[in-house]
Structures are given as C-alpha cells and as structure tokens.
C-alpha cells in the first residue's frame, strides 16, 4: 500500500468531516482525561492510605472526676493507679499486636489542647483536671484495632477506646466515592466518543462511496479500502489522547506544584509524584489509538460492503 495514498485519504477525510472530527477529538480527550484522572485518584488514595495508616494510633481514654459524674462508662469513678498499672501490664503482654505505647497525662493533654485550640473560647474555661489521661497505642497492623477494643472497651477506668483509622476510613470512602463518580462520567463520555467515531466513519464512507466502488471494481482488497478510514479515526483519537495527556500534565503541575501549590499548602498530605503521571500517559495514548481504530473497523464491516 502506498503511504502517500493513505496519508492523502486521511487528510481528505479529516478535512471533509471537520466538525465531527473536532467533536471526536474533544470527546476522546475529555473521556481519557477522566480515565487518567481516575487512575491517578486511585494512586493518590493508595498513597495516602499507606502514609496515614502507618501513623494512626488507637487511643485508650481514661476516666477522670468529671467523667465519673456524667459518663455511664465511668460510673465506678475516676481511674485509679492500680487500674492504670493493670492496663499497661496487659498492653505489654500484647507485643504481637502493639508496637509502641505512649502515656499522656492530664497536664500533657491540657498543654496539647492549648497549643491546638488556644483561640477557642472554651479553652480559657478548661483546667488540667478536666482533661483525660490516655494511652496512645501504635499498632503493628492498623487493621487489628478490634483486638484492642475488645480487650479494653468497657473496662473499669476506661472511658472509651477510639481508633483514628475509622476517621480516615470515612475520608477515604468519600474519596473513593468521588473516584467512582468520575469513572461513571468517564464511561458515559467513552460511549459518546465511540458513537461519534462510528457516525464519523459512516459519514466519511458514505461521502466517498464512489471512490470505494471504483477501488472495489479494480480489485482492491478490503483492507486496502478500509485502511484510510480506520487510520483517519485513529489519528483523530490519537490527537484527543495527546490533549488528554496535556490536561493531566498541566493539572499535576498547576494543582500540586504551582498555581494552587497544594504540595506546600497541604504538607500533611503525601501527594503522588510525576512518576505516577508519566506512567499513565502511554496507556492513555495507546487507548486513544486502539479504541477509535477498533470502533472504525467494526463500523466499516457494517457500513462499507467490501
């Protein structure tokens, strides 16, 4: 097959159906940008989970005098020294689950509260004896929170057992929900893009039915006749894929590194790096090339009788 003929036919087809070609490029670009964005969002959530789950603690809050008057869990009074020793002794025996235990006294809890919420009107009315003593437990496996909860929840002197992982799970659940919503929109955009590709190929084949008829009469093979239409769709899709890659690169640069500069404003979040973005670009380009080519191939089997 002469390359010059193929290039000429592709150029003619793209110019002849310029409006529909532009619609294909835009729809492919948007759908693949959402596709790449959803993949990057999954990477971001995984990165955040690995970063934060490694830092979460289980906290055992002990009863104080105020709790003894108002909290049913502390009906037997404030925690005693013997109860604290028993709790610590049992934590030491759970070395297969517990990595580290840190004790926080009422004075330390009051100091930390003042540092974090010193501007709050409530801070001025609190006193150290109103704060709770606690044990901050670093688990070897954050998934084994229930072992600690079962052992200490409801125990004399224990006001509550709190798992910070539960708070993070709610956040990650929200992020995953947003990610699935983006994937649903992406799927809809892909369907729209495929329909546009099929219609574009159909119109292009109809507008050149005389040329294809002549080629068929002179003995041209089916592949020779179909190739310009398939490559026309593939080129349009590849342009859309290139635009989608540009969107992702610009978004990563503008949102995280510069512009919004979230990497500095939200330095507690471990953002994905450029390697995560760059590894997605070949996949997006390959999809942008193969998806329109396959759609065109199957459309031609129906609309171009060769």
Protein backbone atom coordinates (compact mmCIF):
# COMPACT_ATOMS: atom_id res chain seq x y z
CA UNK A 1 0.00 0.00 0.00
CA UNK A 2 1.33 3.39 -0.95
CA UNK A 3 1.87 5.54 2.13
CA UNK A 4 1.24 8.71 0.14
CA UNK A 5 -2.25 7.48 -0.84
CA UNK A 6 -3.12 6.63 2.76
CA UNK A 7 -1.91 9.97 4.10
CA UNK A 8 -3.83 11.78 1.35
CA UNK A 9 -7.04 9.91 2.13
CA UNK A 10 -6.67 10.56 5.86
CA UNK A 11 -6.14 14.26 5.23
CA UNK A 12 -9.16 14.45 2.92
CA UNK A 13 -11.36 12.60 5.39
CA UNK A 14 -10.38 14.78 8.35
CA UNK A 15 -10.99 17.98 6.37
CA UNK A 16 -14.24 16.80 4.83
CA UNK A 17 -15.79 15.96 8.22
CA UNK A 18 -14.04 18.68 10.18
CA UNK A 19 -16.90 19.37 12.61
CA UNK A 20 -17.42 15.72 13.51
CA UNK A 21 -13.68 15.14 13.69
CA UNK A 22 -13.39 18.02 16.16
CA UNK A 23 -16.23 16.52 18.22
CA UNK A 24 -14.43 13.15 18.25
CA UNK A 25 -11.18 14.77 19.40
CA UNK A 26 -12.91 16.70 22.20
CA UNK A 27 -14.95 13.73 23.45
CA UNK A 28 -11.94 11.39 23.36
CA UNK A 29 -9.81 14.00 25.14
CA UNK A 30 -12.36 14.54 27.92
CA UNK A 31 -13.14 10.86 28.43
CA UNK A 32 -9.47 9.83 28.53
CA UNK A 33 -8.60 12.77 30.78
CA UNK A 34 -11.24 11.49 33.22
CA UNK A 35 -9.87 7.98 32.75
CA UNK A 36 -6.34 9.11 33.58
CA UNK A 37 -7.64 11.27 36.42
CA UNK A 38 -9.48 8.33 37.98
CA UNK A 39 -6.34 6.19 37.78
CA UNK A 40 -4.32 8.97 39.43
CA UNK A 41 -7.00 9.42 42.09
CA UNK A 42 -6.75 5.70 42.91
CA UNK A 43 -2.97 6.07 43.20
CA UNK A 44 -3.42 9.13 45.41
CA UNK A 45 -5.82 7.34 47.76
CA UNK A 46 -3.47 4.35 47.98
CA UNK A 47 -0.53 6.66 48.69
CA UNK A 48 -2.47 8.49 51.39
CA UNK A 49 -3.59 5.22 52.97
CA UNK A 50 -0.04 3.94 53.14
CA UNK A 51 1.15 7.27 54.57
CA UNK A 52 -1.59 7.81 57.16
CA UNK A 53 -2.33 4.24 58.21
CA UNK A 54 1.31 3.99 59.20
CA UNK A 55 0.79 6.92 61.59
CA UNK A 56 -2.62 6.20 63.12
CA UNK A 57 -2.96 5.39 66.80
CA UNK A 58 -5.53 3.71 68.95
CA UNK A 59 -6.29 5.83 71.99
CA UNK A 60 -7.49 4.47 75.33
CA UNK A 61 -9.03 7.40 77.20
CA UNK A 62 -9.21 7.01 80.97
CA UNK A 63 -11.96 8.27 83.25
CA UNK A 64 -11.44 11.49 85.20
CA UNK A 65 -13.50 13.02 88.01
CA UNK A 66 -15.77 14.89 85.60
CA UNK A 67 -16.48 11.74 83.62
CA UNK A 68 -17.40 9.91 86.83
CA UNK A 69 -20.28 12.36 87.31
CA UNK A 70 -21.60 12.42 83.73
CA UNK A 71 -20.45 9.40 81.73
CA UNK A 72 -22.10 5.96 82.25
CA UNK A 73 -18.84 4.27 81.23
CA UNK A 74 -17.19 5.86 84.27
CA UNK A 75 -19.94 5.16 86.79
CA UNK A 76 -17.43 3.43 89.09
CA UNK A 77 -15.34 6.58 89.41
CA UNK A 78 -12.12 8.01 88.05
CA UNK A 79 -9.34 5.67 87.03
CA UNK A 80 -7.08 4.50 89.84
CA UNK A 81 -3.34 3.91 89.84
CA UNK A 82 -3.89 0.15 90.12
CA UNK A 83 -6.21 0.19 87.11
CA UNK A 84 -3.63 2.12 85.09
CA UNK A 85 -0.95 -0.39 86.06
CA UNK A 86 -3.21 -3.29 85.01
CA UNK A 87 -3.94 -1.65 81.65
CA UNK A 88 -0.27 -1.02 81.00
CA UNK A 89 0.61 -4.56 82.07
CA UNK A 90 -1.94 -6.02 79.65
CA UNK A 91 -0.66 -3.81 76.83
CA UNK A 92 2.86 -5.09 77.46
CA UNK A 93 1.56 -8.65 77.07
CA UNK A 94 0.12 -7.79 73.63
CA UNK A 95 3.52 -7.30 72.00
CA UNK A 96 2.42 -9.32 68.95
CA UNK A 97 -0.10 -6.57 68.14
CA UNK A 98 1.24 -3.47 69.89
CA UNK A 99 4.35 -1.76 68.54
CA UNK A 100 4.58 1.19 70.95
CA UNK A 101 2.61 2.67 73.85
CA UNK A 102 2.79 6.32 74.87
CA UNK A 103 1.19 7.60 78.06
CA UNK A 104 -0.30 11.11 78.04
CA UNK A 105 -1.04 12.70 81.42
CA UNK A 106 -3.75 15.26 82.11
CA UNK A 107 -1.19 18.08 82.15
CA UNK A 108 0.24 16.95 78.79
CA UNK A 109 -3.25 16.65 77.33
CA UNK A 110 -4.07 20.17 78.55
CA UNK A 111 -0.86 21.52 77.04
CA UNK A 112 -1.55 19.90 73.68
CA UNK A 113 -5.12 21.19 73.71
CA UNK A 114 -3.95 24.75 74.40
CA UNK A 115 -1.47 24.50 71.53
CA UNK A 116 -4.12 23.34 69.06
CA UNK A 117 -7.23 25.19 70.26
CA UNK A 118 -5.84 28.07 72.27
CA UNK A 119 -8.02 30.57 70.38
CA UNK A 120 -11.21 28.72 71.21
CA UNK A 121 -13.48 30.40 73.84
CA UNK A 122 -13.77 27.01 75.55
CA UNK A 123 -10.00 26.81 76.11
CA UNK A 124 -10.00 29.54 78.74
CA UNK A 125 -12.57 27.70 80.87
CA UNK A 126 -10.81 24.33 80.90
CA UNK A 127 -8.44 23.17 83.61
CA UNK A 128 -5.94 20.27 83.52
CA UNK A 129 -8.04 18.12 85.86
CA UNK A 130 -10.86 18.18 83.28
CA UNK A 131 -8.64 16.58 80.65
CA UNK A 132 -8.36 12.83 80.21
CA UNK A 133 -5.31 10.70 80.69
CA UNK A 134 -4.76 8.33 77.79
CA UNK A 135 -2.60 5.63 76.32
CA UNK A 136 -1.68 6.21 72.65
CA UNK A 137 -1.04 2.85 71.03
CA UNK A 138 0.83 2.34 67.77
CA UNK A 139 -0.25 -0.96 66.23
CA UNK A 140 1.96 -3.18 64.13
CA UNK A 141 -1.04 -3.76 61.87
CA UNK A 142 -3.64 -0.92 61.84
CA UNK A 143 -6.30 -3.43 60.77
CA UNK A 144 -6.16 -5.10 64.21
CA UNK A 145 -7.81 -2.27 66.12
CA UNK A 146 -10.60 -4.61 67.22
CA UNK A 147 -8.14 -6.61 69.33
CA UNK A 148 -7.51 -3.53 71.50
CA UNK A 149 -11.17 -2.52 71.53
CA UNK A 150 -12.28 -5.98 72.68
CA UNK A 151 -9.65 -6.09 75.42
CA UNK A 152 -10.23 -2.64 76.95
CA UNK A 153 -13.59 -1.22 75.91
CA UNK A 154 -15.98 -1.19 78.89
CA UNK A 155 -13.21 -1.92 81.37
CA UNK A 156 -13.18 -0.20 84.77
CA UNK A 157 -11.39 3.14 84.49
CA UNK A 158 -11.66 3.26 80.67
CA UNK A 159 -13.91 5.97 79.27
CA UNK A 160 -13.56 4.97 75.59
CA UNK A 161 -11.34 3.33 73.02
CA UNK A 162 -11.00 5.34 69.82
CA UNK A 163 -9.50 4.26 66.52
CA UNK A 164 -8.16 7.08 64.32
CA UNK A 165 -8.31 4.67 61.39
CA UNK A 166 -12.10 4.89 61.49
CA UNK A 167 -11.94 8.63 60.82
CA UNK A 168 -9.55 8.05 57.93
CA UNK A 169 -11.78 5.31 56.53
CA UNK A 170 -14.64 7.82 56.24
CA UNK A 171 -12.37 10.23 54.37
CA UNK A 172 -11.07 7.55 52.03
CA UNK A 173 -14.62 6.30 51.50
CA UNK A 174 -15.60 9.78 50.34
CA UNK A 175 -12.59 9.98 48.02
CA UNK A 176 -13.36 6.54 46.59
CA UNK A 177 -16.98 7.59 46.03
CA UNK A 178 -15.83 10.66 44.12
CA UNK A 179 -13.48 8.46 42.11
CA UNK A 180 -16.29 6.08 41.13
CA UNK A 181 -18.45 9.05 40.14
CA UNK A 182 -15.63 10.25 37.87
CA UNK A 183 -15.40 6.77 36.37
CA UNK A 184 -19.14 6.74 35.67
CA UNK A 185 -18.85 10.07 33.83
CA UNK A 186 -15.78 8.71 32.02
CA UNK A 187 -17.75 5.64 30.88
CA UNK A 188 -20.54 7.86 29.58
CA UNK A 189 -18.05 10.04 27.72
CA UNK A 190 -16.42 6.95 26.20
CA UNK A 191 -19.79 5.76 24.91
CA UNK A 192 -20.41 9.22 23.40
CA UNK A 193 -16.94 9.18 21.84
CA UNK A 194 -17.49 5.71 20.33
CA UNK A 195 -20.84 6.77 18.89
CA UNK A 196 -19.26 9.85 17.36
CA UNK A 197 -16.44 7.77 15.89
CA UNK A 198 -18.90 5.31 14.34
CA UNK A 199 -21.02 8.11 12.88
CA UNK A 200 -17.95 9.95 11.58
CA UNK A 201 -16.67 6.83 9.85
CA UNK A 202 -20.14 6.10 8.47
CA UNK A 203 -20.48 9.62 7.01
CA UNK A 204 -16.94 9.50 5.64
CA UNK A 205 -17.59 6.13 3.99
CA UNK A 206 -20.87 7.35 2.51
CA UNK A 207 -19.31 10.56 1.12
CA UNK A 208 -16.61 8.51 -0.62
CA UNK A 209 -18.78 5.66 -1.82
CA UNK A 210 -17.95 6.38 -5.49
CA UNK A 211 -14.19 6.14 -4.85
CA UNK A 212 -14.56 2.93 -2.85
CA UNK A 213 -16.84 1.50 -5.53
CA UNK A 214 -14.22 2.13 -8.21
CA UNK A 215 -11.49 0.65 -6.00
CA UNK A 216 -13.65 -2.44 -5.49
CA UNK A 217 -14.18 -2.83 -9.26
CA UNK A 218 -10.45 -2.68 -9.99
CA UNK A 219 -9.79 -5.44 -7.49
CA UNK A 220 -8.60 -3.54 -4.39
CA UNK A 221 -8.57 -5.65 -1.26
CA UNK A 222 -10.94 -4.98 1.62
CA UNK A 223 -8.10 -3.94 3.91
CA UNK A 224 -6.77 -1.51 1.26
CA UNK A 225 -10.19 0.16 1.11
CA UNK A 226 -10.78 0.16 4.86
CA UNK A 227 -7.31 1.30 5.98
CA UNK A 228 -7.72 5.06 5.28
CA UNK A 229 -10.98 5.19 7.27
CA UNK A 230 -9.51 3.24 10.20
CA UNK A 231 -6.38 5.37 10.27
CA UNK A 232 -8.47 8.52 9.99
CA UNK A 233 -10.33 7.56 13.17
CA UNK A 234 -7.07 6.50 14.85
CA UNK A 235 -5.41 9.84 14.06
CA UNK A 236 -8.37 11.79 15.45
CA UNK A 237 -8.33 9.63 18.57
CA UNK A 238 -4.58 9.99 18.98
CA UNK A 239 -4.91 13.78 18.83
CA UNK A 240 -7.58 13.55 21.54
CA UNK A 241 -5.29 11.30 23.60
CA UNK A 242 -2.49 13.82 23.27
CA UNK A 243 -4.81 16.56 24.51
CA UNK A 244 -5.86 14.34 27.45
CA UNK A 245 -2.19 13.78 28.36
CA UNK A 246 -1.66 17.52 28.22
CA UNK A 247 -4.61 18.03 30.59
CA UNK A 248 -3.13 15.62 33.14
CA UNK A 249 0.36 17.11 32.99
CA UNK A 250 -0.97 20.67 33.32
CA UNK A 251 -3.31 19.63 36.14
CA UNK A 252 -0.47 17.97 38.08
CA UNK A 253 1.81 20.97 37.54
CA UNK A 254 -0.82 23.62 38.33
CA UNK A 255 -2.71 21.98 41.20
CA UNK A 256 0.13 20.36 43.14
CA UNK A 257 3.44 22.01 42.21
CA UNK A 258 2.47 25.55 41.21
CA UNK A 259 -0.65 27.69 40.94
CA UNK A 260 -2.70 26.23 43.78
CA UNK A 261 0.56 24.81 45.18
CA UNK A 262 -1.16 22.17 47.31
CA UNK A 263 2.09 20.33 47.99
CA UNK A 264 3.15 23.23 50.22
CA UNK A 265 -0.24 24.39 51.49
CA UNK A 266 -1.25 20.85 52.48
CA UNK A 267 2.12 19.49 53.54
CA UNK A 268 0.46 16.83 55.71
CA UNK A 269 -0.71 15.06 52.55
CA UNK A 270 1.74 12.87 50.67
CA UNK A 271 0.88 13.67 47.04
CA UNK A 272 1.66 11.38 44.11
CA UNK A 273 4.80 12.22 42.16
CA UNK A 274 5.46 12.84 38.48
CA UNK A 275 6.32 9.16 38.01
CA UNK A 276 2.69 8.23 38.65
CA UNK A 277 1.54 10.70 35.99
CA UNK A 278 4.15 9.75 33.39
CA UNK A 279 3.42 6.03 33.69
CA UNK A 280 -0.24 6.67 32.80
CA UNK A 281 0.48 8.64 29.61
CA UNK A 282 1.49 5.65 27.41
CA UNK A 283 -1.67 3.81 28.47
CA UNK A 284 -3.83 6.81 27.57
CA UNK A 285 -2.12 7.22 24.18
CA UNK A 286 -2.45 3.50 23.40
CA UNK A 287 -6.15 3.59 24.34
CA UNK A 288 -6.73 6.71 22.24
CA UNK A 289 -5.19 4.96 19.24
CA UNK A 290 -6.74 1.49 19.58
CA UNK A 291 -10.25 2.46 20.71
CA UNK A 292 -11.15 4.57 17.62
CA UNK A 293 -9.38 2.14 15.26
CA UNK A 294 -11.38 -0.83 16.56
CA UNK A 295 -14.62 1.17 16.55
CA UNK A 296 -13.96 2.19 12.95
CA UNK A 297 -13.09 -1.37 11.93
CA UNK A 298 -16.35 -2.82 13.23
CA UNK A 299 -18.36 0.12 11.88
CA UNK A 300 -16.89 -0.40 8.41
CA UNK A 301 -17.86 -4.07 8.41
CA UNK A 302 -21.47 -2.94 8.61
CA UNK A 303 -21.48 0.25 6.57
CA UNK A 304 -18.82 -0.42 3.94
CA UNK A 305 -19.59 -3.51 1.92
CA UNK A 306 -16.26 -4.82 0.75
